[in-house]
Amino acid sequence: MKRAKEDYPSFNLFSIVGTWESINLNPTVIIYRSEKDYLLSIIYVSDTTKQASPATYEIQKDGSRYFIAIVSKRLYIDYDPAKDVLSISSLGNYLRN
């Protein structure tokens, strides 16, 4: 079976490795590579204790889209290389730090 263009992601995960800050004041995101997997950590900061705690998820691929699975929901990841803007569904847009 031949794969169509839409079966391939529009960007390479290597291009989004780094620290990203939310435009909408959502938690900071760090994307990095661990052996052969790419991981995304969301850094939550407690309002009461001011302690930071990361939650780490494996970046997965569904056809031409990347996503992370949080509980029973998928958050899709997109990247605009021209603007260097990362988008995560339900979290909004992020700028590289």
N, C-alpha and C. Protein backbone atom coordinates (compact mmCIF):
# COMPACT_ATOMS: atom_id res chain seq x y z
N MET A 1 0.83 -1.18 0.00
CA MET A 1 0.00 0.00 0.00
C MET A 1 0.88 1.25 0.00
N LYS A 2 0.63 2.13 -0.94
CA LYS A 2 1.41 3.35 -1.06
C LYS A 2 0.88 4.41 -0.11
N ARG A 3 1.79 5.12 0.55
CA ARG A 3 1.38 6.15 1.50
C ARG A 3 1.20 7.48 0.80
N ALA A 4 0.17 8.19 1.16
CA ALA A 4 -0.12 9.51 0.59
C ALA A 4 0.61 10.59 1.37
N LYS A 5 0.69 11.77 0.78
CA LYS A 5 1.37 12.90 1.43
C LYS A 5 0.77 13.21 2.79
N GLU A 6 -0.55 13.07 2.94
CA GLU A 6 -1.20 13.38 4.22
C GLU A 6 -0.87 12.38 5.32
N ASP A 7 -0.19 11.27 4.97
CA ASP A 7 0.24 10.30 5.97
C ASP A 7 1.52 10.74 6.68
N TYR A 8 2.16 11.79 6.18
CA TYR A 8 3.42 12.25 6.75
C TYR A 8 3.21 13.57 7.49
N PRO A 9 3.80 13.72 8.66
CA PRO A 9 3.68 14.99 9.40
C PRO A 9 4.28 16.15 8.61
N SER A 10 3.78 17.35 8.88
CA SER A 10 4.24 18.54 8.16
C SER A 10 5.53 19.11 8.75
N PHE A 11 6.01 18.55 9.87
CA PHE A 11 7.25 19.01 10.48
C PHE A 11 7.94 17.84 11.16
N ASN A 12 9.23 18.03 11.43
CA ASN A 12 10.05 17.02 12.08
C ASN A 12 10.08 17.32 13.58
N LEU A 13 9.95 16.30 14.42
CA LEU A 13 9.95 16.53 15.87
C LEU A 13 11.24 17.19 16.35
N PHE A 14 12.36 16.91 15.68
CA PHE A 14 13.63 17.52 16.08
C PHE A 14 13.54 19.05 16.04
N SER A 15 12.74 19.59 15.12
CA SER A 15 12.64 21.05 14.97
C SER A 15 11.88 21.72 16.11
N ILE A 16 11.19 20.96 16.96
CA ILE A 16 10.45 21.58 18.07
C ILE A 16 11.06 21.28 19.44
N VAL A 17 12.23 20.66 19.45
CA VAL A 17 12.91 20.39 20.72
C VAL A 17 13.29 21.71 21.37
N GLY A 18 12.99 21.84 22.67
CA GLY A 18 13.34 23.05 23.39
C GLY A 18 12.30 23.41 24.43
N THR A 19 12.42 24.61 24.97
CA THR A 19 11.50 25.11 25.99
C THR A 19 10.56 26.11 25.33
N TRP A 20 9.28 25.98 25.63
CA TRP A 20 8.24 26.80 25.02
C TRP A 20 7.41 27.48 26.11
N GLU A 21 7.15 28.78 25.93
CA GLU A 21 6.32 29.52 26.87
C GLU A 21 4.99 29.87 26.23
N SER A 22 3.93 29.71 27.00
CA SER A 22 2.58 29.93 26.51
C SER A 22 2.29 31.41 26.29
N ILE A 23 1.59 31.68 25.21
CA ILE A 23 1.09 33.04 24.94
C ILE A 23 -0.11 33.32 25.85
N ASN A 24 -0.83 32.26 26.23
CA ASN A 24 -2.08 32.38 27.00
C ASN A 24 -1.90 32.12 28.49
N LEU A 25 -0.66 32.20 28.99
CA LEU A 25 -0.34 31.96 30.40
C LEU A 25 -0.63 30.54 30.87
N ASN A 26 -0.59 29.59 29.97
CA ASN A 26 -0.68 28.18 30.34
C ASN A 26 0.69 27.71 30.79
N PRO A 27 0.79 26.50 31.36
CA PRO A 27 2.10 26.02 31.84
C PRO A 27 3.16 25.94 30.75
N THR A 28 4.41 26.15 31.15
CA THR A 28 5.55 26.03 30.24
C THR A 28 5.68 24.59 29.78
N VAL A 29 6.16 24.41 28.54
CA VAL A 29 6.31 23.09 27.93
C VAL A 29 7.77 22.90 27.54
N ILE A 30 8.31 21.71 27.81
CA ILE A 30 9.66 21.35 27.38
C ILE A 30 9.55 20.10 26.52
N ILE A 31 10.15 20.15 25.33
CA ILE A 31 10.15 18.99 24.43
C ILE A 31 11.59 18.54 24.27
N TYR A 32 11.83 17.24 24.45
CA TYR A 32 13.18 16.70 24.36
C TYR A 32 13.14 15.26 23.87
N ARG A 33 14.33 14.76 23.52
CA ARG A 33 14.45 13.40 23.02
C ARG A 33 15.08 12.53 24.10
N SER A 34 14.51 11.36 24.30
CA SER A 34 15.03 10.39 25.25
C SER A 34 15.22 9.09 24.48
N GLU A 35 16.47 8.76 24.21
CA GLU A 35 16.82 7.61 23.37
C GLU A 35 16.11 7.73 22.03
N LYS A 36 15.08 6.94 21.75
CA LYS A 36 14.43 7.02 20.44
C LYS A 36 13.07 7.71 20.48
N ASP A 37 12.59 8.08 21.67
CA ASP A 37 11.29 8.71 21.81
C ASP A 37 11.44 10.21 22.05
N TYR A 38 10.43 10.95 21.60
CA TYR A 38 10.34 12.37 21.93
C TYR A 38 9.32 12.52 23.04
N LEU A 39 9.67 13.33 24.03
CA LEU A 39 8.81 13.51 25.19
C LEU A 39 8.44 14.98 25.34
N LEU A 40 7.27 15.22 25.90
CA LEU A 40 6.80 16.56 26.18
C LEU A 40 6.48 16.63 27.66
N SER A 41 7.11 17.57 28.35
CA SER A 41 6.84 17.78 29.77
C SER A 41 6.11 19.10 29.94
N ILE A 42 5.03 19.06 30.69
CA ILE A 42 4.30 20.26 31.04
C ILE A 42 4.67 20.59 32.48
N ILE A 43 5.14 21.80 32.72
CA ILE A 43 5.59 22.21 34.04
C ILE A 43 4.46 22.97 34.73
N TYR A 44 3.82 22.30 35.67
CA TYR A 44 2.74 22.92 36.43
C TYR A 44 3.33 23.57 37.68
N VAL A 45 2.87 24.77 38.03
CA VAL A 45 3.31 25.45 39.23
C VAL A 45 2.09 25.64 40.14
N SER A 46 2.19 25.14 41.36
CA SER A 46 1.10 25.24 42.32
C SER A 46 0.92 26.69 42.75
N ASP A 47 -0.33 27.17 42.74
CA ASP A 47 -0.62 28.54 43.18
C ASP A 47 -0.37 28.73 44.67
N THR A 48 -0.58 27.67 45.43
CA THR A 48 -0.44 27.80 46.89
C THR A 48 0.99 27.63 47.37
N THR A 49 1.67 26.58 46.89
CA THR A 49 3.02 26.29 47.39
C THR A 49 4.12 26.87 46.50
N LYS A 50 3.76 27.28 45.27
CA LYS A 50 4.73 27.79 44.28
C LYS A 50 5.75 26.74 43.86
N GLN A 51 5.46 25.48 44.11
CA GLN A 51 6.33 24.36 43.71
C GLN A 51 6.01 23.96 42.27
N ALA A 52 7.06 23.70 41.49
CA ALA A 52 6.89 23.23 40.12
C ALA A 52 6.87 21.71 40.09
N SER A 53 5.97 21.17 39.29
CA SER A 53 5.94 19.72 39.13
C SER A 53 5.67 19.39 37.67
N PRO A 54 6.55 18.58 37.06
CA PRO A 54 6.37 18.24 35.66
C PRO A 54 5.47 17.02 35.48
N ALA A 55 4.78 17.01 34.37
CA ALA A 55 4.03 15.84 33.92
C ALA A 55 4.57 15.54 32.53
N THR A 56 5.07 14.33 32.31
CA THR A 56 5.75 13.99 31.06
C THR A 56 4.93 12.99 30.26
N TYR A 57 4.86 13.25 28.95
CA TYR A 57 4.08 12.42 28.03
C TYR A 57 4.91 12.10 26.79
N GLU A 58 4.72 10.91 26.26
CA GLU A 58 5.39 10.53 25.00
C GLU A 58 4.62 11.16 23.85
N ILE A 59 5.35 11.77 22.91
CA ILE A 59 4.71 12.32 21.71
C ILE A 59 4.47 11.15 20.76
N GLN A 60 3.23 10.98 20.35
CA GLN A 60 2.84 9.89 19.47
C GLN A 60 2.36 10.44 18.14
N LYS A 61 2.21 9.56 17.16
CA LYS A 61 1.81 9.98 15.82
C LYS A 61 0.58 9.21 15.39
N ASP A 62 -0.38 9.92 14.82
CA ASP A 62 -1.59 9.32 14.25
C ASP A 62 -1.69 9.83 12.82
N GLY A 63 -1.25 9.02 11.86
CA GLY A 63 -1.23 9.48 10.47
C GLY A 63 -0.24 10.61 10.32
N SER A 64 -0.75 11.78 9.98
CA SER A 64 0.13 12.94 9.77
C SER A 64 0.12 13.90 10.95
N ARG A 65 -0.45 13.49 12.08
CA ARG A 65 -0.56 14.40 13.23
C ARG A 65 0.15 13.83 14.45
N TYR A 66 0.81 14.72 15.18
CA TYR A 66 1.43 14.36 16.45
C TYR A 66 0.48 14.71 17.59
N PHE A 67 0.56 13.94 18.68
CA PHE A 67 -0.30 14.21 19.82
C PHE A 67 0.32 13.63 21.08
N ILE A 68 -0.20 14.07 22.24
CA ILE A 68 0.10 13.43 23.52
C ILE A 68 -1.24 12.99 24.09
N ALA A 69 -1.22 11.90 24.83
CA ALA A 69 -2.45 11.39 25.44
C ALA A 69 -2.43 11.74 26.92
N ILE A 70 -3.42 12.53 27.34
CA ILE A 70 -3.58 12.89 28.75
C ILE A 70 -4.89 12.27 29.20
N VAL A 71 -4.80 11.36 30.15
CA VAL A 71 -5.92 10.57 30.63
C VAL A 71 -6.58 9.92 29.43
N SER A 72 -7.78 10.29 29.06
CA SER A 72 -8.44 9.65 27.91
C SER A 72 -8.62 10.64 26.76
N LYS A 73 -7.82 11.70 26.77
CA LYS A 73 -7.98 12.74 25.76
C LYS A 73 -6.66 12.97 25.02
N ARG A 74 -6.75 13.31 23.75
CA ARG A 74 -5.57 13.61 22.94
C ARG A 74 -5.41 15.11 22.78
N LEU A 75 -4.19 15.58 23.02
CA LEU A 75 -3.85 16.97 22.73
C LEU A 75 -2.96 16.95 21.51
N TYR A 76 -3.43 17.55 20.41
CA TYR A 76 -2.69 17.54 19.16
C TYR A 76 -1.66 18.66 19.13
N ILE A 77 -0.51 18.37 18.52
CA ILE A 77 0.62 19.30 18.45
C ILE A 77 0.81 19.72 17.00
N ASP A 78 0.93 21.01 16.78
CA ASP A 78 1.21 21.53 15.44
C ASP A 78 2.32 22.57 15.56
N TYR A 79 3.00 22.82 14.46
CA TYR A 79 4.13 23.75 14.48
C TYR A 79 4.16 24.55 13.19
N ASP A 80 4.32 25.86 13.32
CA ASP A 80 4.46 26.75 12.18
C ASP A 80 5.92 27.20 12.13
N PRO A 81 6.72 26.61 11.23
CA PRO A 81 8.15 26.96 11.19
C PRO A 81 8.41 28.40 10.76
N ALA A 82 7.55 28.97 9.95
CA ALA A 82 7.76 30.35 9.49
C ALA A 82 7.66 31.33 10.66
N LYS A 83 6.73 31.09 11.58
CA LYS A 83 6.54 31.97 12.73
C LYS A 83 7.22 31.44 13.99
N ASP A 84 7.73 30.19 13.94
CA ASP A 84 8.31 29.50 15.09
C ASP A 84 7.32 29.49 16.26
N VAL A 85 6.09 29.04 15.95
CA VAL A 85 5.01 28.97 16.94
C VAL A 85 4.55 27.53 17.05
N LEU A 86 4.51 27.04 18.27
CA LEU A 86 4.02 25.70 18.58
C LEU A 86 2.57 25.84 19.05
N SER A 87 1.69 24.97 18.57
CA SER A 87 0.28 24.99 18.99
C SER A 87 -0.06 23.64 19.60
N ILE A 88 -0.68 23.67 20.75
CA ILE A 88 -1.15 22.45 21.41
C ILE A 88 -2.64 22.63 21.66
N SER A 89 -3.43 21.71 21.08
CA SER A 89 -4.88 21.86 21.21
C SER A 89 -5.28 21.97 22.67
N SER A 90 -6.19 22.83 22.95
CA SER A 90 -6.74 23.17 24.26
C SER A 90 -5.77 23.91 25.18
N LEU A 91 -4.49 24.01 24.82
CA LEU A 91 -3.54 24.82 25.60
C LEU A 91 -3.15 26.10 24.87
N GLY A 92 -3.35 26.15 23.56
CA GLY A 92 -3.07 27.35 22.79
C GLY A 92 -1.69 27.37 22.18
N ASN A 93 -1.21 28.58 21.90
CA ASN A 93 0.06 28.78 21.20
C ASN A 93 1.20 29.03 22.16
N TYR A 94 2.39 28.62 21.71
CA TYR A 94 3.61 28.74 22.51
C TYR A 94 4.72 29.34 21.66
N LEU A 95 5.55 30.18 22.29
CA LEU A 95 6.74 30.74 21.66
C LEU A 95 7.97 30.09 22.27
N ARG A 96 8.98 29.90 21.43
CA ARG A 96 10.24 29.30 21.89
C ARG A 96 10.92 30.23 22.88
N ASN A 97 11.42 29.66 23.96
CA ASN A 97 12.08 30.45 24.99
C ASN A 97 13.57 30.51 24.71
